[in-house]
Amino acid sequence: MERTVEKILALIKVNPRITQKQIGAETGLTRRGVEWNLKKLKNEGRFKRIGPAKGGHWEV
């Protein structure tokens, strides 16, 4: 579990405009798995979304 979280954060650092679909392809997670992990990370304050769903970016 922790490796997945760290991999997601690393992907976001490299490409702040990465989509959930791209994160799933890189990590092997389902879309629901990506959503669950992103929600968990947001609640922990590890990153946040800047801007709208389309055209925005992630900030670690």
Protein backbone atom coordinates (compact mmCIF):
# COMPACT_ATOMS: atom_id res chain seq x y z
CA MET A 1 0.00 0.00 0.00
CA GLU A 2 2.69 2.52 0.96
CA ARG A 3 4.61 1.85 -2.25
CA THR A 4 1.50 2.65 -4.27
CA VAL A 5 1.02 5.93 -2.44
CA GLU A 6 4.65 6.89 -2.96
CA LYS A 7 4.44 5.96 -6.65
CA ILE A 8 1.33 8.11 -7.09
CA LEU A 9 3.04 11.08 -5.42
CA ALA A 10 6.13 10.59 -7.59
CA LEU A 11 3.99 10.53 -10.74
CA ILE A 12 2.25 13.74 -9.68
CA LYS A 13 5.59 15.44 -8.96
CA VAL A 14 6.90 14.52 -12.43
CA ASN A 15 3.68 15.51 -14.22
CA PRO A 16 1.31 17.77 -12.22
CA ARG A 17 -1.26 17.55 -15.03
CA ILE A 18 -1.45 13.73 -14.95
CA THR A 19 -4.94 12.25 -15.16
CA GLN A 20 -6.46 9.54 -13.02
CA LYS A 21 -6.53 7.31 -16.09
CA GLN A 22 -2.78 7.79 -16.60
CA ILE A 23 -2.09 7.12 -12.91
CA GLY A 24 -4.05 3.88 -13.20
CA ALA A 25 -2.07 2.82 -16.26
CA GLU A 26 1.25 3.52 -14.52
CA THR A 27 0.36 1.85 -11.21
CA GLY A 28 -1.89 -0.97 -12.37
CA LEU A 29 -4.75 0.26 -10.19
CA THR A 30 -8.37 0.37 -11.28
CA ARG A 31 -9.98 3.77 -11.65
CA ARG A 32 -11.77 3.23 -8.34
CA GLY A 33 -8.47 2.30 -6.70
CA VAL A 34 -6.89 5.50 -7.98
CA GLU A 35 -9.84 7.56 -6.73
CA TRP A 36 -9.63 5.93 -3.29
CA ASN A 37 -5.89 6.57 -2.98
CA LEU A 38 -6.18 10.18 -4.18
CA LYS A 39 -9.00 10.86 -1.72
CA LYS A 40 -6.91 9.39 1.09
CA LEU A 41 -3.89 11.52 0.14
CA LYS A 42 -6.02 14.68 -0.12
CA ASN A 43 -7.53 14.06 3.33
CA GLU A 44 -4.02 13.64 4.75
CA GLY A 45 -3.03 16.98 3.18
CA ARG A 46 -0.24 15.42 1.08
CA PHE A 47 -1.37 17.25 -2.08
CA LYS A 48 -4.20 19.34 -3.48
CA ARG A 49 -5.90 20.03 -6.77
CA ILE A 50 -5.42 23.50 -8.25
CA GLY A 51 -7.92 24.67 -10.86
CA PRO A 52 -10.82 22.92 -12.55
CA ALA A 53 -11.11 19.20 -13.26
CA LYS A 54 -10.17 19.82 -16.89
CA GLY A 55 -7.15 22.06 -17.26
CA GLY A 56 -6.12 22.11 -13.60
CA HIS A 57 -3.10 20.48 -12.01
CA TRP A 58 -1.97 18.72 -8.83
CA GLU A 59 0.30 20.36 -6.26
CA VAL A 60 2.31 18.15 -3.89
